[in-house]
Amino acid sequence: MFEKMDLGQLGKMFEEIQEKAKKLEEEQESKIFSAKSGGGMIKVSANGKGEIVDIEIDDSLLEDKESLQILLISAINDVLKMVEEDKKASALGMLGSNLFGQK
Protein backbone atom coordinates (compact mmCIF):
# COMPACT_ATOMS: atom_id res chain seq x y z
CA MET A 1 0.00 0.00 0.00
CA PHE A 2 2.79 2.44 0.91
CA GLU A 3 5.47 1.03 -1.44
CA LYS A 4 5.12 3.82 -3.99
CA MET A 5 4.42 6.65 -1.54
CA ASP A 6 7.08 9.33 -1.27
CA LEU A 7 8.09 9.87 2.37
CA GLY A 8 8.37 13.60 1.66
CA GLN A 9 4.72 13.64 0.66
CA LEU A 10 3.80 11.71 3.77
CA GLY A 11 5.68 14.21 5.96
CA LYS A 12 3.96 17.10 4.20
CA MET A 13 0.58 15.46 4.75
CA PHE A 14 1.29 15.09 8.49
CA GLU A 15 2.31 18.75 8.69
CA GLU A 16 -0.95 19.76 7.02
CA ILE A 17 -2.91 17.62 9.47
CA GLN A 18 -1.11 19.23 12.42
CA GLU A 19 -1.83 22.71 11.08
CA LYS A 20 -5.49 21.88 10.55
CA ALA A 21 -5.72 20.35 14.03
CA LYS A 22 -4.29 23.52 15.58
CA LYS A 23 -6.69 25.69 13.60
CA LEU A 24 -9.59 23.42 14.59
CA GLU A 25 -8.63 23.72 18.27
CA GLU A 26 -8.61 27.51 18.01
CA GLU A 27 -12.02 27.46 16.32
CA GLN A 28 -13.37 25.16 19.05
CA GLU A 29 -12.41 27.68 21.75
CA SER A 30 -14.60 30.35 20.16
CA LYS A 31 -17.70 28.15 19.81
CA ILE A 32 -20.39 28.37 22.47
CA PHE A 33 -22.91 25.59 23.10
CA SER A 34 -25.98 25.94 25.33
CA ALA A 35 -28.38 23.43 26.83
CA LYS A 36 -31.55 24.01 28.83
CA SER A 37 -33.41 21.85 31.31
CA GLY A 38 -36.57 22.19 33.32
CA GLY A 39 -38.37 23.96 30.51
CA GLY A 40 -35.66 26.61 30.37
CA MET A 41 -35.39 27.15 34.12
CA ILE A 42 -31.70 26.18 33.86
CA LYS A 43 -29.38 27.13 31.02
CA VAL A 44 -25.76 26.01 30.88
CA SER A 45 -23.27 27.24 28.28
CA ALA A 46 -19.88 25.75 27.46
CA ASN A 47 -17.16 26.59 24.99
CA GLY A 48 -15.85 24.13 22.42
CA LYS A 49 -13.14 22.96 24.82
CA GLY A 50 -15.82 21.72 27.22
CA GLU A 51 -15.36 24.48 29.79
CA ILE A 52 -18.56 25.75 31.42
CA VAL A 53 -18.67 29.49 30.73
CA ASP A 54 -22.14 30.47 32.01
CA ILE A 55 -25.01 29.13 34.10
CA GLU A 56 -28.41 30.78 34.33
CA ILE A 57 -30.82 29.68 37.09
CA ASP A 58 -34.43 30.76 37.39
CA ASP A 59 -35.02 32.36 40.80
CA SER A 60 -37.90 29.99 41.53
CA LEU A 61 -35.43 27.09 41.81
CA LEU A 62 -33.38 28.70 44.56
CA GLU A 63 -35.76 27.35 47.21
CA ASP A 64 -35.69 23.76 45.85
CA LYS A 65 -32.15 22.46 46.16
CA GLU A 66 -32.91 18.91 44.99
CA SER A 67 -34.64 20.04 41.78
CA LEU A 68 -31.89 22.56 41.15
CA GLN A 69 -29.23 19.86 41.42
CA ILE A 70 -31.09 17.46 39.13
CA LEU A 71 -31.72 20.11 36.47
CA LEU A 72 -28.13 21.38 36.64
CA ILE A 73 -26.73 17.88 36.16
CA SER A 74 -29.05 17.31 33.21
CA ALA A 75 -28.15 20.59 31.47
CA ILE A 76 -24.41 20.14 32.10
CA ASN A 77 -24.45 16.60 30.71
CA ASP A 78 -26.41 17.75 27.66
CA VAL A 79 -24.07 20.64 26.84
CA LEU A 80 -20.96 18.48 27.31
CA LYS A 81 -22.46 15.88 24.97
CA MET A 82 -23.00 18.63 22.37
CA VAL A 83 -19.36 19.68 22.68
CA GLU A 84 -18.12 16.09 22.23
CA GLU A 85 -20.34 15.49 19.20
CA ASP A 86 -19.06 18.69 17.60
CA LYS A 87 -15.44 17.70 18.28
CA LYS A 88 -16.00 14.29 16.67
CA ALA A 89 -17.73 15.78 13.63
CA SER A 90 -14.99 18.36 13.18
CA ALA A 91 -12.22 15.78 13.51
CA LEU A 92 -13.89 13.44 11.04
CA GLY A 93 -14.34 16.32 8.62
CA MET A 94 -10.69 17.27 8.94
CA LEU A 95 -9.45 13.71 8.48
CA GLY A 96 -11.80 13.12 5.58
CA SER A 97 -10.55 16.19 3.77
CA ASN A 98 -6.94 15.04 4.19
CA LEU A 99 -7.54 11.41 3.31
CA PHE A 100 -9.53 12.19 0.20
CA GLY A 101 -7.53 15.21 -0.92
CA GLN A 102 -10.26 17.80 -0.36
CA LYS A 103 -9.47 21.22 1.04
C-alpha atoms as a PDB file:
ATOM      1  CA  MET A   1       0.000   0.000   0.000  1.00  0.00           C
ATOM      2  CA  PHE A   2       2.793   2.440   0.912  1.00  0.00           C
ATOM      3  CA  GLU A   3       5.470   1.027  -1.437  1.00  0.00           C
ATOM      4  CA  LYS A   4       5.125   3.821  -3.987  1.00  0.00           C
ATOM      5  CA  MET A   5       4.424   6.647  -1.544  1.00  0.00           C
ATOM      6  CA  ASP A   6       7.081   9.330  -1.269  1.00  0.00           C
ATOM      7  CA  LEU A   7       8.094   9.870   2.370  1.00  0.00           C
ATOM      8  CA  GLY A   8       8.374  13.596   1.661  1.00  0.00           C
ATOM      9  CA  GLN A   9       4.717  13.641   0.656  1.00  0.00           C
ATOM     10  CA  LEU A  10       3.799  11.706   3.774  1.00  0.00           C
ATOM     11  CA  GLY A  11       5.683  14.209   5.963  1.00  0.00           C
ATOM     12  CA  LYS A  12       3.964  17.100   4.197  1.00  0.00           C
ATOM     13  CA  MET A  13       0.578  15.455   4.751  1.00  0.00           C
ATOM     14  CA  PHE A  14       1.288  15.085   8.486  1.00  0.00           C
ATOM     15  CA  GLU A  15       2.309  18.745   8.689  1.00  0.00           C
ATOM     16  CA  GLU A  16      -0.950  19.758   7.020  1.00  0.00           C
ATOM     17  CA  ILE A  17      -2.907  17.615   9.467  1.00  0.00           C
ATOM     18  CA  GLN A  18      -1.107  19.229  12.419  1.00  0.00           C
ATOM     19  CA  GLU A  19      -1.834  22.712  11.079  1.00  0.00           C
ATOM     20  CA  LYS A  20      -5.491  21.880  10.552  1.00  0.00           C
ATOM     21  CA  ALA A  21      -5.717  20.352  14.027  1.00  0.00           C
ATOM     22  CA  LYS A  22      -4.291  23.520  15.583  1.00  0.00           C
ATOM     23  CA  LYS A  23      -6.693  25.693  13.597  1.00  0.00           C
ATOM     24  CA  LEU A  24      -9.591  23.423  14.590  1.00  0.00           C
ATOM     25  CA  GLU A  25      -8.633  23.717  18.266  1.00  0.00           C
ATOM     26  CA  GLU A  26      -8.606  27.511  18.007  1.00  0.00           C
ATOM     27  CA  GLU A  27     -12.020  27.461  16.319  1.00  0.00           C
ATOM     28  CA  GLN A  28     -13.367  25.162  19.051  1.00  0.00           C
ATOM     29  CA  GLU A  29     -12.414  27.677  21.746  1.00  0.00           C
ATOM     30  CA  SER A  30     -14.596  30.350  20.160  1.00  0.00           C
ATOM     31  CA  LYS A  31     -17.703  28.147  19.808  1.00  0.00           C
ATOM     32  CA  ILE A  32     -20.392  28.367  22.473  1.00  0.00           C
ATOM     33  CA  PHE A  33     -22.913  25.594  23.098  1.00  0.00           C
ATOM     34  CA  SER A  34     -25.978  25.939  25.327  1.00  0.00           C
ATOM     35  CA  ALA A  35     -28.380  23.429  26.828  1.00  0.00           C
ATOM     36  CA  LYS A  36     -31.553  24.008  28.829  1.00  0.00           C
ATOM     37  CA  SER A  37     -33.415  21.846  31.306  1.00  0.00           C
ATOM     38  CA  GLY A  38     -36.571  22.191  33.322  1.00  0.00           C
ATOM     39  CA  GLY A  39     -38.365  23.961  30.506  1.00  0.00           C
ATOM     40  CA  GLY A  40     -35.659  26.613  30.368  1.00  0.00           C
ATOM     41  CA  MET A  41     -35.387  27.151  34.120  1.00  0.00           C
ATOM     42  CA  ILE A  42     -31.704  26.183  33.864  1.00  0.00           C
ATOM     43  CA  LYS A  43     -29.379  27.135  31.017  1.00  0.00           C
ATOM     44  CA  VAL A  44     -25.759  26.010  30.881  1.00  0.00           C
ATOM     45  CA  SER A  45     -23.269  27.244  28.280  1.00  0.00           C
ATOM     46  CA  ALA A  46     -19.876  25.755  27.460  1.00  0.00           C
ATOM     47  CA  ASN A  47     -17.156  26.588  24.990  1.00  0.00           C
ATOM     48  CA  GLY A  48     -15.849  24.129  22.423  1.00  0.00           C
ATOM     49  CA  LYS A  49     -13.141  22.957  24.818  1.00  0.00           C
ATOM     50  CA  GLY A  50     -15.823  21.720  27.220  1.00  0.00           C
ATOM     51  CA  GLU A  51     -15.362  24.480  29.789  1.00  0.00           C
ATOM     52  CA  ILE A  52     -18.556  25.753  31.417  1.00  0.00           C
ATOM     53  CA  VAL A  53     -18.670  29.490  30.725  1.00  0.00           C
ATOM     54  CA  ASP A  54     -22.138  30.471  32.009  1.00  0.00           C
ATOM     55  CA  ILE A  55     -25.010  29.133  34.098  1.00  0.00           C
ATOM     56  CA  GLU A  56     -28.412  30.781  34.325  1.00  0.00           C
ATOM     57  CA  ILE A  57     -30.816  29.684  37.085  1.00  0.00           C
ATOM     58  CA  ASP A  58     -34.434  30.758  37.391  1.00  0.00           C
ATOM     59  CA  ASP A  59     -35.015  32.359  40.800  1.00  0.00           C
ATOM     60  CA  SER A  60     -37.897  29.989  41.533  1.00  0.00           C
ATOM     61  CA  LEU A  61     -35.434  27.092  41.814  1.00  0.00           C
ATOM     62  CA  LEU A  62     -33.379  28.702  44.563  1.00  0.00           C
ATOM     63  CA  GLU A  63     -35.762  27.347  47.208  1.00  0.00           C
ATOM     64  CA  ASP A  64     -35.694  23.759  45.854  1.00  0.00           C
ATOM     65  CA  LYS A  65     -32.145  22.460  46.165  1.00  0.00           C
ATOM     66  CA  GLU A  66     -32.915  18.912  44.993  1.00  0.00           C
ATOM     67  CA  SER A  67     -34.635  20.036  41.784  1.00  0.00           C
ATOM     68  CA  LEU A  68     -31.885  22.561  41.152  1.00  0.00           C
ATOM     69  CA  GLN A  69     -29.225  19.858  41.418  1.00  0.00           C
ATOM     70  CA  ILE A  70     -31.091  17.460  39.125  1.00  0.00           C
ATOM     71  CA  LEU A  71     -31.723  20.108  36.472  1.00  0.00           C
ATOM     72  CA  LEU A  72     -28.129  21.384  36.637  1.00  0.00           C
ATOM     73  CA  ILE A  73     -26.730  17.880  36.163  1.00  0.00           C
ATOM     74  CA  SER A  74     -29.047  17.311  33.207  1.00  0.00           C
ATOM     75  CA  ALA A  75     -28.148  20.586  31.474  1.00  0.00           C
ATOM     76  CA  ILE A  76     -24.409  20.144  32.098  1.00  0.00           C
ATOM     77  CA  ASN A  77     -24.449  16.600  30.714  1.00  0.00           C
ATOM     78  CA  ASP A  78     -26.408  17.754  27.660  1.00  0.00           C
ATOM     79  CA  VAL A  79     -24.068  20.637  26.843  1.00  0.00           C
ATOM     80  CA  LEU A  80     -20.956  18.479  27.307  1.00  0.00           C
ATOM     81  CA  LYS A  81     -22.460  15.875  24.971  1.00  0.00           C
ATOM     82  CA  MET A  82     -23.000  18.631  22.370  1.00  0.00           C
ATOM     83  CA  VAL A  83     -19.357  19.682  22.677  1.00  0.00           C
ATOM     84  CA  GLU A  84     -18.122  16.094  22.226  1.00  0.00           C
ATOM     85  CA  GLU A  85     -20.338  15.488  19.201  1.00  0.00           C
ATOM     86  CA  ASP A  86     -19.057  18.690  17.604  1.00  0.00           C
ATOM     87  CA  LYS A  87     -15.439  17.696  18.279  1.00  0.00           C
ATOM     88  CA  LYS A  88     -15.998  14.292  16.668  1.00  0.00           C
ATOM     89  CA  ALA A  89     -17.729  15.777  13.628  1.00  0.00           C
ATOM     90  CA  SER A  90     -14.991  18.364  13.179  1.00  0.00           C
ATOM     91  CA  ALA A  91     -12.217  15.783  13.513  1.00  0.00           C
ATOM     92  CA  LEU A  92     -13.893  13.443  11.035  1.00  0.00           C
ATOM     93  CA  GLY A  93     -14.344  16.323   8.615  1.00  0.00           C
ATOM     94  CA  MET A  94     -10.693  17.272   8.937  1.00  0.00           C
ATOM     95  CA  LEU A  95      -9.447  13.713   8.484  1.00  0.00           C
ATOM     96  CA  GLY A  96     -11.798  13.117   5.581  1.00  0.00           C
ATOM     97  CA  SER A  97     -10.554  16.186   3.769  1.00  0.00           C
ATOM     98  CA  ASN A  98      -6.943  15.041   4.186  1.00  0.00           C
ATOM     99  CA  LEU A  99      -7.536  11.408   3.312  1.00  0.00           C
ATOM    100  CA  PHE A 100      -9.527  12.194   0.202  1.00  0.00           C
ATOM    101  CA  GLY A 101      -7.533  15.206  -0.917  1.00  0.00           C
ATOM    102  CA  GLN A 102     -10.256  17.800  -0.362  1.00  0.00           C
ATOM    103  CA  LYS A 103      -9.468  21.220   1.042  1.00  0.00           C
END
